[in-house]
Amino acid sequence: MKFGYARISTNEQNLDLQIDALKKAGCEEIFSEIVSGTKTERKELDKLLDLVRADDVIVIWKLDRLGRSLKHLIMLVNKLVGEGVGIKSLNDPIDTTNPQGRLVFNIFASLAEFERDLISERTQAGLKAARARGRTGGRPKGLSEEAKLKAIAAETLYREGELPVTSIAENLGISKATLYSYLRHRGIKF
């Protein structure tokens, strides 16, 4: 069976173009929704994925309508292909129902993985070069001068025992977690 999936991100967009193209492509049932591509929860896509079986085909307008990210898209397509479900994009050169389409998809996936590896490699080389020049990343160790003053005030108020921890944090304009961090910095056991 041939299923269609259409998605737009906002109400200002229109599903008609995608739905018309999916009908023209012969989709027997179309699932559509309005939800941002970055959202994890996509109810209509989940319904479709629960429904498809081996030898079914999911037709989409473009690949970016299906996956939340490249990683998610590759994982989802590989899972579906492994289950015998084909993916066909109307506006991308992807059609996993034939060997050439699977090859193209796998080339895209390999290029994406290669790009991620290159970025990681460059990042590591940059960090190594920076360390060789004496630079270190991350936050500076210790407390700023303002934080040191707040830590002293926090210690004083805490030792007095007059105020609950929540009130001390509120009075100093910090969170309880920061208050406890300041107290540890001052050597207070609690």
Protein backbone atom coordinates (compact mmCIF):
# COMPACT_ATOMS: atom_id res chain seq x y z
CA MET A 1 0.00 0.00 0.00
CA LYS A 2 1.18 3.52 -0.73
CA PHE A 3 0.88 6.01 2.15
CA GLY A 4 1.51 9.73 2.05
CA TYR A 5 2.89 11.93 4.79
CA ALA A 6 2.61 15.73 4.67
CA ARG A 7 3.79 18.17 7.31
CA ILE A 8 3.98 21.91 7.68
CA SER A 9 5.53 23.77 10.60
CA THR A 10 3.05 26.60 11.19
CA ASN A 11 -0.58 27.51 10.58
CA GLU A 12 0.58 30.23 8.19
CA GLN A 13 1.75 27.55 5.76
CA ASN A 14 -0.55 25.44 3.58
CA LEU A 15 -0.70 21.64 3.27
CA ASP A 16 -2.60 21.69 -0.04
CA LEU A 17 0.46 21.60 -2.30
CA GLN A 18 1.89 18.55 -0.54
CA ILE A 19 -1.44 16.72 -0.30
CA ASP A 20 -2.26 17.34 -3.98
CA ALA A 21 1.17 16.00 -5.01
CA LEU A 22 0.78 12.93 -2.76
CA LYS A 23 -2.66 12.18 -4.27
CA LYS A 24 -1.24 12.56 -7.77
CA ALA A 25 1.55 10.11 -6.79
CA GLY A 26 -1.13 7.51 -6.02
CA CYS A 27 -1.18 7.55 -2.22
CA GLU A 28 -4.16 5.62 -0.93
CA GLU A 29 -4.08 7.18 2.53
CA ILE A 30 -2.45 10.46 3.56
CA PHE A 31 -1.38 11.47 7.04
CA SER A 32 -0.88 15.20 7.57
CA GLU A 33 -0.11 17.47 10.48
CA ILE A 34 0.96 20.94 11.51
CA VAL A 35 3.94 20.61 13.82
CA SER A 36 7.48 21.93 13.90
CA GLY A 37 10.06 19.56 12.44
CA THR A 38 12.10 19.82 15.63
CA LYS A 39 9.30 18.46 17.82
CA THR A 40 9.72 14.91 19.03
CA GLU A 41 5.99 14.25 19.24
CA ARG A 42 4.35 13.95 15.84
CA LYS A 43 1.13 12.06 16.32
CA GLU A 44 0.23 11.55 12.66
CA LEU A 45 3.71 10.31 11.78
CA ASP A 46 3.58 7.92 14.74
CA LYS A 47 0.19 6.58 13.53
CA LEU A 48 1.64 6.06 10.06
CA LEU A 49 4.73 4.28 11.39
CA ASP A 50 2.53 1.95 13.47
CA LEU A 51 0.42 1.15 10.40
CA VAL A 52 3.04 0.43 7.70
CA ARG A 53 4.12 -3.10 6.94
CA ALA A 54 6.64 -4.77 4.63
CA ASP A 55 6.12 -3.86 0.96
CA ASP A 56 4.32 -0.60 1.88
CA VAL A 57 5.73 2.69 0.60
CA ILE A 58 5.73 6.04 2.40
CA VAL A 59 5.67 8.95 -0.05
CA ILE A 60 6.76 12.39 1.15
CA TRP A 61 7.03 15.81 -0.50
CA LYS A 62 10.64 16.29 0.64
CA LEU A 63 12.95 14.49 3.05
CA ASP A 64 12.89 17.37 5.54
CA ARG A 65 9.16 16.71 6.08
CA LEU A 66 9.97 13.29 7.57
CA GLY A 67 12.99 13.62 9.89
CA ARG A 68 13.58 15.98 12.83
CA SER A 69 17.27 16.09 11.98
CA LEU A 70 19.62 14.38 9.57
CA LYS A 71 20.53 11.84 12.23
CA HIS A 72 16.86 11.12 12.98
CA LEU A 73 16.03 10.89 9.26
CA ILE A 74 18.83 8.40 8.57
CA MET A 75 17.89 6.31 11.59
CA LEU A 76 14.19 6.32 10.63
CA VAL A 77 14.77 5.49 6.95
CA ASN A 78 17.21 2.69 7.80
CA LYS A 79 14.69 1.23 10.28
CA LEU A 80 11.89 1.36 7.71
CA VAL A 81 14.02 -0.09 4.90
CA GLY A 82 15.10 -2.86 7.29
CA GLU A 83 11.41 -3.65 7.82
CA GLY A 84 10.82 -3.76 4.07
CA VAL A 85 9.04 -0.38 3.91
CA GLY A 86 10.04 1.88 1.03
CA ILE A 87 10.53 5.65 1.18
CA LYS A 88 9.95 7.83 -1.83
CA SER A 89 10.51 11.57 -1.91
CA LEU A 90 8.77 13.51 -4.66
CA ASN A 91 11.32 16.34 -4.71
CA ASP A 92 14.57 14.59 -3.71
CA PRO A 93 16.36 11.83 -5.65
CA ILE A 94 15.38 9.27 -3.02
CA ASP A 95 13.35 6.14 -3.71
CA THR A 96 14.39 3.23 -1.50
CA THR A 97 12.05 0.88 -3.34
CA ASN A 98 14.81 0.26 -5.87
CA PRO A 99 18.55 -0.47 -5.57
CA GLN A 100 19.62 2.86 -7.10
CA GLY A 101 17.49 4.83 -4.63
CA ARG A 102 18.90 2.90 -1.68
CA LEU A 103 22.40 3.57 -3.00
CA VAL A 104 21.72 7.32 -3.28
CA PHE A 105 20.27 7.42 0.24
CA ASN A 106 23.25 5.51 1.65
CA ILE A 107 25.64 7.85 -0.14
CA PHE A 108 23.84 10.84 1.43
CA ALA A 109 23.97 9.14 4.84
CA SER A 110 27.68 8.36 4.42
CA LEU A 111 28.43 11.95 3.39
CA ALA A 112 26.54 13.24 6.44
CA GLU A 113 28.49 10.91 8.73
CA PHE A 114 31.75 11.94 7.04
CA GLU A 115 30.86 15.62 7.58
CA ARG A 116 30.14 14.99 11.29
CA ASP A 117 33.46 13.17 11.65
CA LEU A 118 35.34 16.03 9.93
CA ILE A 119 33.72 18.61 12.21
CA SER A 120 34.66 16.55 15.27
CA GLU A 121 38.21 16.07 13.98
CA ARG A 122 38.62 19.82 13.31
CA THR A 123 37.22 20.67 16.72
CA GLN A 124 39.65 18.31 18.45
CA ALA A 125 42.58 19.67 16.42
CA GLY A 126 41.58 23.25 17.30
CA LEU A 127 41.34 22.42 21.01
CA LYS A 128 44.70 20.66 20.91
CA ALA A 129 46.32 23.66 19.17
CA ALA A 130 44.77 26.05 21.70
CA ARG A 131 46.06 23.94 24.63
CA ALA A 132 49.53 23.89 23.04
CA ARG A 133 49.43 27.71 23.08
CA GLY A 134 48.46 27.65 26.77
CA ARG A 135 44.76 28.35 26.34
CA THR A 136 42.20 26.26 28.13
CA GLY A 137 38.51 26.10 27.44
CA GLY A 138 35.55 26.19 29.76
CA ARG A 139 34.68 28.47 32.60
CA PRO A 140 37.41 29.96 34.71
CA LYS A 141 37.98 28.07 37.97
CA GLY A 142 36.84 29.60 41.23
CA LEU A 143 34.42 32.42 41.90
CA SER A 144 34.22 35.94 40.53
CA GLU A 145 34.69 38.81 42.97
CA GLU A 146 30.93 39.38 43.15
CA ALA A 147 30.33 35.67 43.78
CA LYS A 148 32.99 35.63 46.53
CA LEU A 149 31.14 38.45 48.33
CA LYS A 150 27.84 36.59 48.00
CA ALA A 151 29.52 33.41 49.27
CA ILE A 152 30.72 35.25 52.39
CA ALA A 153 27.23 36.68 52.94
CA ALA A 154 25.71 33.24 52.37
CA GLU A 155 28.07 31.68 54.90
CA THR A 156 27.27 34.35 57.50
CA LEU A 157 23.50 34.02 57.06
CA TYR A 158 23.69 30.22 57.05
CA ARG A 159 25.80 30.05 60.24
CA GLU A 160 23.41 32.43 62.04
CA GLY A 161 20.65 29.89 61.47
CA GLU A 162 17.95 32.58 61.55
CA LEU A 163 16.74 32.13 57.96
CA PRO A 164 15.81 29.02 55.98
CA VAL A 165 17.98 28.19 52.97
CA THR A 166 15.25 29.30 50.56
CA SER A 167 15.10 32.77 52.14
CA ILE A 168 18.89 33.14 52.11
CA ALA A 169 18.96 32.29 48.40
CA GLU A 170 16.11 34.70 47.63
CA ASN A 171 17.75 37.54 49.61
CA LEU A 172 21.03 37.03 47.73
CA GLY A 173 19.31 36.68 44.36
CA ILE A 174 20.69 33.19 43.70
CA SER A 175 19.29 29.70 43.38
CA LYS A 176 19.45 27.15 46.19
CA ALA A 177 21.91 25.10 44.11
CA THR A 178 24.20 28.13 43.79
CA LEU A 179 23.85 28.80 47.52
CA TYR A 180 24.98 25.26 48.32
CA SER A 181 27.84 25.63 45.85
CA TYR A 182 28.94 28.84 47.60
CA LEU A 183 28.74 27.15 51.01
CA ARG A 184 30.87 24.23 49.78
CA HIS A 185 33.36 26.75 48.40
CA ARG A 186 33.54 28.32 51.87
CA GLY A 187 34.12 24.89 53.44
CA ILE A 188 30.73 24.60 55.13
CA LYS A 189 29.50 21.08 55.80
CA PHE A 190 25.73 20.67 55.67
